[in-house]
PDB file of N, CA and C in Angstrom:
ATOM      1  N   MET A   1     -14.487   7.843 -81.331  1.00  0.00           N
ATOM      2  CA  MET A   1     -14.065   8.812 -82.663  1.00  0.00           C
ATOM      3  C   MET A   1     -15.087   9.727 -82.882  1.00  0.00           C
ATOM      4  N   SER A   2     -14.988  10.848 -82.968  1.00  0.00           N
ATOM      5  CA  SER A   2     -16.002  11.720 -83.330  1.00  0.00           C
ATOM      6  C   SER A   2     -15.766  12.287 -84.498  1.00  0.00           C
ATOM      7  N   PHE A   3     -16.921  12.633 -85.401  1.00  0.00           N
ATOM      8  CA  PHE A   3     -16.867  13.285 -86.676  1.00  0.00           C
ATOM      9  C   PHE A   3     -17.411  14.538 -86.711  1.00  0.00           C
ATOM     10  N   VAL A   4     -16.722  15.557 -87.407  1.00  0.00           N
ATOM     11  CA  VAL A   4     -17.271  16.907 -87.382  1.00  0.00           C
ATOM     12  C   VAL A   4     -17.864  17.108 -88.876  1.00  0.00           C
ATOM     13  N   THR A   5     -18.991  17.474 -88.912  1.00  0.00           N
ATOM     14  CA  THR A   5     -19.632  17.628 -90.287  1.00  0.00           C
ATOM     15  C   THR A   5     -20.087  19.035 -90.278  1.00  0.00           C
ATOM     16  N   ASN A   6     -19.958  19.653 -91.536  1.00  0.00           N
ATOM     17  CA  ASN A   6     -20.472  21.140 -91.841  1.00  0.00           C
ATOM     18  C   ASN A   6     -21.528  21.013 -92.702  1.00  0.00           C
ATOM     19  N   GLU A   7     -22.615  21.743 -92.448  1.00  0.00           N
ATOM     20  CA  GLU A   7     -23.827  21.925 -93.003  1.00  0.00           C
ATOM     21  C   GLU A   7     -23.934  23.177 -93.569  1.00  0.00           C
ATOM     22  N   GLN A   8     -24.733  23.336 -94.783  1.00  0.00           N
ATOM     23  CA  GLN A   8     -24.972  24.586 -95.219  1.00  0.00           C
ATOM     24  C   GLN A   8     -26.507  25.011 -95.226  1.00  0.00           C
ATOM     25  N   ILE A   9     -26.798  26.164 -94.883  1.00  0.00           N
ATOM     26  CA  ILE A   9     -28.142  26.463 -94.893  1.00  0.00           C
ATOM     27  C   ILE A   9     -28.145  27.627 -95.813  1.00  0.00           C
ATOM     28  N   LEU A  10     -29.012  27.319 -96.955  1.00  0.00           N
ATOM     29  CA  LEU A  10     -29.208  28.245 -98.077  1.00  0.00           C
ATOM     30  C   LEU A  10     -30.618  29.046 -97.826  1.00  0.00           C
ATOM     31  N   THR A  11     -30.563  30.234 -97.981  1.00  0.00           N
ATOM     32  CA  THR A  11     -31.824  31.021 -97.963  1.00  0.00           C
ATOM     33  C   THR A  11     -31.609  32.309 -98.783  1.00  0.00           C
ATOM     34  N   PRO A  12     -32.757  32.577 -99.336  1.00  0.00           N
ATOM     35  CA  PRO A  12     -32.784  33.674-100.334  1.00  0.00           C
ATOM     36  C   PRO A  12     -32.621  35.053 -99.390  1.00  0.00           C
ATOM     37  N   LEU A  13     -32.016  36.025 -99.824  1.00  0.00           N
ATOM     38  CA  LEU A  13     -32.117  37.476 -99.232  1.00  0.00           C
ATOM     39  C   LEU A  13     -32.450  38.403-100.294  1.00  0.00           C
ATOM     40  N   SER A  14     -33.122  39.518 -99.957  1.00  0.00           N
ATOM     41  CA  SER A  14     -33.375  40.605-100.776  1.00  0.00           C
ATOM     42  C   SER A  14     -32.146  41.320-100.795  1.00  0.00           C
ATOM     43  N   ASN A  15     -31.853  42.078-101.767  1.00  0.00           N
ATOM     44  CA  ASN A  15     -30.760  42.925-101.742  1.00  0.00           C
ATOM     45  C   ASN A  15     -30.751  44.003-100.527  1.00  0.00           C
ATOM     46  N   GLN A  16     -31.749  44.515-100.200  1.00  0.00           N
ATOM     47  CA  GLN A  16     -31.841  45.221 -98.953  1.00  0.00           C
ATOM     48  C   GLN A  16     -31.528  44.664 -97.837  1.00  0.00           C
ATOM     49  N   ILE A  17     -31.891  43.415 -97.441  1.00  0.00           N
ATOM     50  CA  ILE A  17     -31.505  42.709 -96.284  1.00  0.00           C
ATOM     51  C   ILE A  17     -29.963  42.359 -96.342  1.00  0.00           C
ATOM     52  N   ARG A  18     -29.579  41.991 -97.498  1.00  0.00           N
ATOM     53  CA  ARG A  18     -28.311  41.699 -97.673  1.00  0.00           C
ATOM     54  C   ARG A  18     -27.331  42.862 -97.433  1.00  0.00           C
ATOM     55  N   GLU A  19     -27.581  44.076 -97.969  1.00  0.00           N
ATOM     56  CA  GLU A  19     -26.945  45.299 -97.657  1.00  0.00           C
ATOM     57  C   GLU A  19     -26.796  45.587 -96.138  1.00  0.00           C
ATOM     58  N   VAL A  20     -27.877  45.462 -95.293  1.00  0.00           N
ATOM     59  CA  VAL A  20     -27.971  45.904 -94.031  1.00  0.00           C
ATOM     60  C   VAL A  20     -26.996  44.892 -93.241  1.00  0.00           C
ATOM     61  N   LEU A  21     -27.355  43.626 -93.413  1.00  0.00           N
ATOM     62  CA  LEU A  21     -26.438  42.589 -92.796  1.00  0.00           C
ATOM     63  C   LEU A  21     -25.047  42.763 -93.068  1.00  0.00           C
ATOM     64  N   GLN A  22     -24.633  42.916 -94.399  1.00  0.00           N
ATOM     65  CA  GLN A  22     -23.174  43.276 -94.803  1.00  0.00           C
ATOM     66  C   GLN A  22     -22.650  44.489 -94.039  1.00  0.00           C
ATOM     67  N   GLN A  23     -23.453  45.615 -94.118  1.00  0.00           N
ATOM     68  CA  GLN A  23     -23.016  46.836 -93.408  1.00  0.00           C
ATOM     69  C   GLN A  23     -22.522  46.515 -92.138  1.00  0.00           C
ATOM     70  N   ALA A  24     -23.418  45.813 -91.227  1.00  0.00           N
ATOM     71  CA  ALA A  24     -23.205  45.435 -90.049  1.00  0.00           C
ATOM     72  C   ALA A  24     -21.906  44.513 -89.660  1.00  0.00           C
ATOM     73  N   ALA A  25     -21.959  43.775 -90.550  1.00  0.00           N
ATOM     74  CA  ALA A  25     -20.711  42.832 -90.654  1.00  0.00           C
ATOM     75  C   ALA A  25     -19.435  43.562 -90.674  1.00  0.00           C
ATOM     76  N   ASN A  26     -19.530  44.557 -91.720  1.00  0.00           N
ATOM     77  CA  ASN A  26     -18.393  45.427 -91.998  1.00  0.00           C
ATOM     78  C   ASN A  26     -17.963  46.247 -90.791  1.00  0.00           C
ATOM     79  N   LEU A  27     -19.155  46.728 -90.042  1.00  0.00           N
ATOM     80  CA  LEU A  27     -18.824  47.539 -88.960  1.00  0.00           C
ATOM     81  C   LEU A  27     -17.981  46.738 -87.580  1.00  0.00           C
ATOM     82  N   VAL A  28     -18.116  45.584 -87.455  1.00  0.00           N
ATOM     83  CA  VAL A  28     -17.707  44.791 -86.572  1.00  0.00           C
ATOM     84  C   VAL A  28     -16.384  43.975 -87.093  1.00  0.00           C
ATOM     85  N   GLY A  29     -16.206  44.037 -88.289  1.00  0.00           N
ATOM     86  CA  GLY A  29     -14.884  43.565 -88.854  1.00  0.00           C
ATOM     87  C   GLY A  29     -14.951  41.899 -89.206  1.00  0.00           C
ATOM     88  N   ILE A  30     -16.109  41.498 -89.401  1.00  0.00           N
ATOM     89  CA  ILE A  30     -16.282  40.013 -89.801  1.00  0.00           C
ATOM     90  C   ILE A  30     -16.830  39.811 -91.206  1.00  0.00           C
ATOM     91  N   THR A  31     -16.696  38.471 -91.773  1.00  0.00           N
ATOM     92  CA  THR A  31     -17.482  38.474 -92.873  1.00  0.00           C
ATOM     93  C   THR A  31     -19.066  38.253 -92.654  1.00  0.00           C
ATOM     94  N   LEU A  32     -19.759  38.150 -93.820  1.00  0.00           N
ATOM     95  CA  LEU A  32     -21.241  38.088 -93.675  1.00  0.00           C
ATOM     96  C   LEU A  32     -21.659  37.046 -93.147  1.00  0.00           C
ATOM     97  N   ASN A  33     -20.805  35.749 -93.468  1.00  0.00           N
ATOM     98  CA  ASN A  33     -21.306  34.475 -93.029  1.00  0.00           C
ATOM     99  C   ASN A  33     -21.069  34.400 -91.394  1.00  0.00           C
ATOM    100  N   GLN A  34     -19.981  34.973 -91.089  1.00  0.00           N
ATOM    101  CA  GLN A  34     -19.630  34.941 -89.516  1.00  0.00           C
ATOM    102  C   GLN A  34     -20.728  35.722 -88.721  1.00  0.00           C
ATOM    103  N   PHE A  35     -21.248  36.887 -89.541  1.00  0.00           N
ATOM    104  CA  PHE A  35     -22.209  37.773 -88.895  1.00  0.00           C
ATOM    105  C   PHE A  35     -23.408  37.004 -88.584  1.00  0.00           C
ATOM    106  N   ILE A  36     -23.944  36.367 -89.787  1.00  0.00           N
ATOM    107  CA  ILE A  36     -25.115  35.779 -89.829  1.00  0.00           C
ATOM    108  C   ILE A  36     -25.164  34.495 -88.706  1.00  0.00           C
ATOM    109  N   ILE A  37     -23.988  33.779 -88.555  1.00  0.00           N
ATOM    110  CA  ILE A  37     -23.859  32.717 -87.586  1.00  0.00           C
ATOM    111  C   ILE A  37     -23.913  33.232 -86.205  1.00  0.00           C
ATOM    112  N   GLN A  38     -23.155  34.295 -86.062  1.00  0.00           N
ATOM    113  CA  GLN A  38     -22.980  34.916 -84.619  1.00  0.00           C
ATOM    114  C   GLN A  38     -24.190  35.382 -84.057  1.00  0.00           C
ATOM    115  N   ALA A  39     -24.983  36.340 -85.061  1.00  0.00           N
ATOM    116  CA  ALA A  39     -26.178  37.063 -84.649  1.00  0.00           C
ATOM    117  C   ALA A  39     -27.246  35.852 -84.543  1.00  0.00           C
ATOM    118  N   SER A  40     -27.403  34.942 -85.337  1.00  0.00           N
ATOM    119  CA  SER A  40     -28.252  33.790 -85.222  1.00  0.00           C
ATOM    120  C   SER A  40     -28.211  32.870 -83.915  1.00  0.00           C
ATOM    121  N   LEU A  41     -26.917  32.670 -83.424  1.00  0.00           N
ATOM    122  CA  LEU A  41     -26.744  31.955 -82.309  1.00  0.00           C
ATOM    123  C   LEU A  41     -26.809  32.723 -81.068  1.00  0.00           C
ATOM    124  N   GLU A  42     -26.626  33.931 -81.247  1.00  0.00           N
ATOM    125  CA  GLU A  42     -27.012  34.884 -80.048  1.00  0.00           C
ATOM    126  C   GLU A  42     -28.414  34.880 -79.711  1.00  0.00           C
ATOM    127  N   LYS A  43     -29.287  35.181 -80.975  1.00  0.00           N
ATOM    128  CA  LYS A  43     -30.673  35.203 -80.820  1.00  0.00           C
ATOM    129  C   LYS A  43     -31.225  33.850 -80.298  1.00  0.00           C
ATOM    130  N   ALA A  44     -30.833  32.806 -80.859  1.00  0.00           N
ATOM    131  CA  ALA A  44     -31.418  31.567 -80.368  1.00  0.00           C
ATOM    132  C   ALA A  44     -31.080  31.160 -78.818  1.00  0.00           C
ATOM    133  N   GLN A  45     -29.799  31.693 -78.359  1.00  0.00           N
ATOM    134  CA  GLN A  45     -29.589  31.541 -76.951  1.00  0.00           C
ATOM    135  C   GLN A  45     -30.477  32.471 -76.143  1.00  0.00           C
ATOM    136  N   THR A  46     -30.771  33.604 -76.496  1.00  0.00           N
ATOM    137  CA  THR A  46     -31.557  34.476 -75.934  1.00  0.00           C
ATOM    138  C   THR A  46     -32.965  33.966 -75.616  1.00  0.00           C
ATOM    139  N   ILE A  47     -33.515  33.319 -76.871  1.00  0.00           N
ATOM    140  CA  ILE A  47     -34.806  32.708 -76.939  1.00  0.00           C
ATOM    141  C   ILE A  47     -34.868  31.495 -75.987  1.00  0.00           C
ATOM    142  N   ILE A  48     -33.847  30.672 -76.044  1.00  0.00           N
ATOM    143  CA  ILE A  48     -33.875  29.523 -75.153  1.00  0.00           C
ATOM    144  C   ILE A  48     -33.788  29.922 -73.597  1.00  0.00           C
ATOM    145  N   GLU A  49     -32.911  30.869 -73.341  1.00  0.00           N
ATOM    146  CA  GLU A  49     -32.834  31.238 -71.983  1.00  0.00           C
ATOM    147  C   GLU A  49     -34.161  31.812 -71.678  1.00  0.00           C
ATOM    148  N   HIS A  50     -34.782  32.719 -72.288  1.00  0.00           N
ATOM    149  CA  HIS A  50     -36.100  33.372 -72.033  1.00  0.00           C
ATOM    150  C   HIS A  50     -37.072  32.227 -71.837  1.00  0.00           C
ATOM    151  N   GLU A  51     -37.136  31.315 -72.651  1.00  0.00           N
ATOM    152  CA  GLU A  51     -38.165  30.185 -72.548  1.00  0.00           C
ATOM    153  C   GLU A  51     -37.953  29.190 -71.406  1.00  0.00           C
ATOM    154  N   GLN A  52     -36.876  29.130 -70.804  1.00  0.00           N
ATOM    155  CA  GLN A  52     -36.665  28.171 -69.757  1.00  0.00           C
ATOM    156  C   GLN A  52     -36.731  28.930 -68.467  1.00  0.00           C
ATOM    157  N   ILE A  53     -36.736  30.180 -68.324  1.00  0.00           N
ATOM    158  CA  ILE A  53     -36.908  30.800 -67.095  1.00  0.00           C
ATOM    159  C   ILE A  53     -38.327  31.226 -66.752  1.00  0.00           C
ATOM    160  N   VAL A  54     -38.920  30.983 -65.644  1.00  0.00           N
ATOM    161  CA  VAL A  54     -40.168  31.424 -65.162  1.00  0.00           C
ATOM    162  C   VAL A  54     -40.067  32.562 -64.306  1.00  0.00           C
ATOM    163  N   HIS A  55     -40.716  33.819 -64.799  1.00  0.00           N
ATOM    164  CA  HIS A  55     -40.824  34.903 -64.265  1.00  0.00           C
ATOM    165  C   HIS A  55     -42.116  35.211 -63.446  1.00  0.00           C
ATOM    166  N   LEU A  56     -42.095  35.223 -62.188  1.00  0.00           N
ATOM    167  CA  LEU A  56     -43.266  35.483 -61.272  1.00  0.00           C
ATOM    168  C   LEU A  56     -43.110  36.908 -60.597  1.00  0.00           C
ATOM    169  N   CYS A  57     -44.389  37.454 -60.308  1.00  0.00           N
ATOM    170  CA  CYS A  57     -44.380  38.651 -59.449  1.00  0.00           C
ATOM    171  C   CYS A  57     -44.229  38.122 -58.166  1.00  0.00           C
ATOM    172  N   LYS A  58     -44.103  39.199 -57.090  1.00  0.00           N
ATOM    173  CA  LYS A  58     -43.818  38.752 -55.637  1.00  0.00           C
ATOM    174  C   LYS A  58     -45.037  37.855 -55.247  1.00  0.00           C
ATOM    175  N   LYS A  59     -46.142  38.323 -55.376  1.00  0.00           N
ATOM    176  CA  LYS A  59     -47.456  37.651 -55.013  1.00  0.00           C
ATOM    177  C   LYS A  59     -47.595  36.205 -55.369  1.00  0.00           C
ATOM    178  N   ASP A  60     -47.162  36.014 -56.783  1.00  0.00           N
ATOM    179  CA  ASP A  60     -47.397  34.768 -57.592  1.00  0.00           C
ATOM    180  C   ASP A  60     -46.330  33.758 -56.859  1.00  0.00           C
ATOM    181  N   ALA A  61     -44.961  34.438 -56.813  1.00  0.00           N
ATOM    182  CA  ALA A  61     -43.863  33.604 -55.928  1.00  0.00           C
ATOM    183  C   ALA A  61     -44.361  33.071 -54.695  1.00  0.00           C
ATOM    184  N   GLU A  62     -45.059  33.904 -53.973  1.00  0.00           N
ATOM    185  CA  GLU A  62     -45.292  33.551 -52.653  1.00  0.00           C
ATOM    186  C   GLU A  62     -46.272  32.393 -52.528  1.00  0.00           C
ATOM    187  N   VAL A  63     -47.260  32.513 -53.461  1.00  0.00           N
ATOM    188  CA  VAL A  63     -48.334  31.476 -53.658  1.00  0.00           C
ATOM    189  C   VAL A  63     -47.523  30.226 -54.118  1.00  0.00           C
ATOM    190  N   PHE A  64     -46.682  30.331 -54.927  1.00  0.00           N
ATOM    191  CA  PHE A  64     -45.847  29.109 -55.451  1.00  0.00           C
ATOM    192  C   PHE A  64     -45.184  28.455 -54.472  1.00  0.00           C
ATOM    193  N   PHE A  65     -44.288  29.109 -53.630  1.00  0.00           N
ATOM    194  CA  PHE A  65     -43.669  28.554 -52.661  1.00  0.00           C
ATOM    195  C   PHE A  65     -44.337  28.060 -51.468  1.00  0.00           C
ATOM    196  N   LYS A  66     -45.506  28.659 -51.210  1.00  0.00           N
ATOM    197  CA  LYS A  66     -46.433  28.276 -50.094  1.00  0.00           C
ATOM    198  C   LYS A  66     -46.906  26.893 -50.489  1.00  0.00           C
ATOM    199  N   ALA A  67     -47.394  26.739 -51.969  1.00  0.00           N
ATOM    200  CA  ALA A  67     -47.838  25.529 -52.332  1.00  0.00           C
ATOM    201  C   ALA A  67     -46.705  24.507 -52.217  1.00  0.00           C
ATOM    202  N   LEU A  68     -45.476  24.790 -52.441  1.00  0.00           N
ATOM    203  CA  LEU A  68     -44.474  23.643 -52.434  1.00  0.00           C
ATOM    204  C   LEU A  68     -44.026  23.333 -50.978  1.00  0.00           C
ATOM    205  N   ASP A  69     -44.220  24.349 -50.003  1.00  0.00           N
ATOM    206  CA  ASP A  69     -43.965  24.080 -48.711  1.00  0.00           C
ATOM    207  C   ASP A  69     -45.081  23.386 -47.827  1.00  0.00           C
ATOM    208  N   ASN A  70     -46.522  23.734 -48.527  1.00  0.00           N
ATOM    209  CA  ASN A  70     -47.778  22.981 -47.730  1.00  0.00           C
ATOM    210  C   ASN A  70     -48.544  22.422 -48.939  1.00  0.00           C
ATOM    211  N   PRO A  71     -48.041  21.354 -49.619  1.00  0.00           N
ATOM    212  CA  PRO A  71     -48.894  20.746 -50.641  1.00  0.00           C
ATOM    213  C   PRO A  71     -50.194  20.100 -50.206  1.00  0.00           C
ATOM    214  N   PRO A  72     -51.298  20.113 -51.005  1.00  0.00           N
ATOM    215  CA  PRO A  72     -52.463  19.604 -50.571  1.00  0.00           C
ATOM    216  C   PRO A  72     -52.437  18.166 -50.627  1.00  0.00           C
ATOM    217  N   PRO A  73     -53.269  17.595 -49.760  1.00  0.00           N
ATOM    218  CA  PRO A  73     -53.217  16.177 -50.001  1.00  0.00           C
ATOM    219  C   PRO A  73     -53.537  15.472 -51.289  1.00  0.00           C
ATOM    220  N   PRO A  74     -53.105  14.303 -51.768  1.00  0.00           N
ATOM    221  CA  PRO A  74     -53.322  13.660 -53.080  1.00  0.00           C
ATOM    222  C   PRO A  74     -54.600  13.387 -53.205  1.00  0.00           C
ATOM    223  N   ASN A  75     -55.104  13.877 -54.423  1.00  0.00           N
ATOM    224  CA  ASN A  75     -56.639  13.411 -54.891  1.00  0.00           C
ATOM    225  C   ASN A  75     -56.692  11.796 -55.204  1.00  0.00           C
ATOM    226  N   ASP A  76     -57.837  11.454 -55.405  1.00  0.00           N
ATOM    227  CA  ASP A  76     -57.996   9.859 -55.761  1.00  0.00           C
ATOM    228  C   ASP A  76     -57.338   9.656 -56.965  1.00  0.00           C
ATOM    229  N   LYS A  77     -57.305  10.489 -57.876  1.00  0.00           N
ATOM    230  CA  LYS A  77     -56.735  10.113 -59.193  1.00  0.00           C
ATOM    231  C   LYS A  77     -55.170  10.129 -59.076  1.00  0.00           C
ATOM    232  N   LEU A  78     -54.546  10.812 -58.365  1.00  0.00           N
ATOM    233  CA  LEU A  78     -53.119  10.647 -58.124  1.00  0.00           C
ATOM    234  C   LEU A  78     -52.755   9.482 -57.329  1.00  0.00           C
ATOM    235  N   VAL A  79     -53.567   9.080 -56.213  1.00  0.00           N
ATOM    236  CA  VAL A  79     -53.406   7.818 -55.464  1.00  0.00           C
ATOM    237  C   VAL A  79     -53.491   6.642 -56.351  1.00  0.00           C
ATOM    238  N   GLU A  80     -54.644   6.813 -57.319  1.00  0.00           N
ATOM    239  CA  GLU A  80     -54.704   5.624 -58.314  1.00  0.00           C
ATOM    240  C   GLU A  80     -53.594   5.478 -59.194  1.00  0.00           C
ATOM    241  N   ALA A  81     -53.027   6.625 -59.784  1.00  0.00           N
ATOM    242  CA  ALA A  81     -51.723   6.625 -60.592  1.00  0.00           C
ATOM    243  C   ALA A  81     -50.607   6.180 -60.035  1.00  0.00           C
ATOM    244  N   VAL A  82     -50.405   6.652 -58.629  1.00  0.00           N
ATOM    245  CA  VAL A  82     -49.271   6.075 -57.915  1.00  0.00           C
ATOM    246  C   VAL A  82     -49.349   4.428 -57.808  1.00  0.00           C
ATOM    247  N   THR A  83     -50.513   4.086 -57.513  1.00  0.00           N
ATOM    248  CA  THR A  83     -50.664   2.558 -57.155  1.00  0.00           C
ATOM    249  C   THR A  83     -50.365   1.881 -58.462  1.00  0.00           C
ATOM    250  N   PHE A  84     -50.893   2.464 -59.585  1.00  0.00           N
ATOM    251  CA  PHE A  84     -50.762   1.726 -60.816  1.00  0.00           C
ATOM    252  C   PHE A  84     -49.316   1.717 -61.223  1.00  0.00           C
ATOM    253  N   TYR A  85     -48.564   2.807 -60.992  1.00  0.00           N
ATOM    254  CA  TYR A  85     -46.974   2.843 -61.302  1.00  0.00           C
ATOM    255  C   TYR A  85     -46.427   2.006 -60.354  1.00  0.00           C
ATOM    256  N   LYS A  86     -46.563   1.862 -59.168  1.00  0.00           N
ATOM    257  CA  LYS A  86     -45.854   0.720 -58.335  1.00  0.00           C
ATOM    258  C   LYS A  86     -46.342  -0.734 -58.655  1.00  0.00           C
ATOM    259  N   GLU A  87     -47.390  -0.948 -59.372  1.00  0.00           N
ATOM    260  CA  GLU A  87     -47.731  -2.198 -59.713  1.00  0.00           C
ATOM    261  C   GLU A  87     -47.132  -2.671 -61.187  1.00  0.00           C
ATOM    262  N   SER A  88     -46.672  -1.770 -61.814  1.00  0.00           N
ATOM    263  CA  SER A  88     -46.176  -1.959 -63.098  1.00  0.00           C
ATOM    264  C   SER A  88     -44.756  -2.175 -63.131  1.00  0.00           C
ATOM    265  N   SER A  89     -44.194  -2.574 -64.229  1.00  0.00           N
ATOM    266  CA  SER A  89     -42.928  -3.198 -64.234  1.00  0.00           C
ATOM    267  C   SER A  89     -41.866  -1.876 -64.228  1.00  0.00           C
ATOM    268  N   LEU A  90     -42.375  -0.632 -64.647  1.00  0.00           N
ATOM    269  CA  LEU A  90     -41.527   0.544 -64.378  1.00  0.00           C
ATOM    270  C   LEU A  90     -41.025   0.886 -63.164  1.00  0.00           C
ATOM    271  N   TYR A  91     -41.618   0.250 -62.157  1.00  0.00           N
ATOM    272  CA  TYR A  91     -41.331   0.886 -60.603  1.00  0.00           C
ATOM    273  C   TYR A  91     -40.139  -0.003 -60.063  1.00  0.00           C
ATOM    274  N   ALA A  92     -39.182   0.539 -59.773  1.00  0.00           N
ATOM    275  CA  ALA A  92     -37.957  -0.191 -59.112  1.00  0.00           C
ATOM    276  C   ALA A  92     -37.451   0.625 -57.941  1.00  0.00           C
ATOM    277  N   PRO A  93     -37.955   0.526 -56.960  1.00  0.00           N
ATOM    278  CA  PRO A  93     -37.699   1.288 -55.622  1.00  0.00           C
ATOM    279  C   PRO A  93     -36.227   1.376 -55.308  1.00  0.00           C
ATOM    280  N   ASN A  94     -35.503   0.478 -55.522  1.00  0.00           N
ATOM    281  CA  ASN A  94     -33.883   0.493 -55.189  1.00  0.00           C
ATOM    282  C   ASN A  94     -33.075   0.942 -56.289  1.00  0.00           C
ATOM    283  N   ARG A  95     -33.606   1.244 -57.497  1.00  0.00           N
ATOM    284  CA  ARG A  95     -32.837   1.686 -58.545  1.00  0.00           C
ATOM    285  C   ARG A  95     -32.130   2.965 -58.275  1.00  0.00           C
ATOM    286  N   ASN A  96     -30.838   3.102 -58.478  1.00  0.00           N
ATOM    287  CA  ASN A  96     -30.255   4.402 -58.463  1.00  0.00           C
ATOM    288  C   ASN A  96     -30.171   5.113 -59.780  1.00  0.00           C
ATOM    289  N   THR A  97     -30.890   6.246 -59.909  1.00  0.00           N
ATOM    290  CA  THR A  97     -31.006   7.020 -61.274  1.00  0.00           C
ATOM    291  C   THR A  97     -30.396   8.517 -61.058  1.00  0.00           C
TER     292      THR A  97
END
């Protein structure tokens, strides 16, 4: 069973900001609340998308993919970490995850 809850976010708005937001809402034919929710959601999605994508110039992309194709040998600290992990209770080689 799932429950739907509605939360309110209360924030003070200056008259100037409210008027601008209301004007924009009127232009697209929705309520002020709908406009604020829609605009906030669009902005949040844009930020999330922007922060999850790595942009590289051609040169940096070539260096990145070259490193993936030809990784350097593991250093002593990495070998030590892998050994520690394999000896720990966290290691389960046949576990399907």
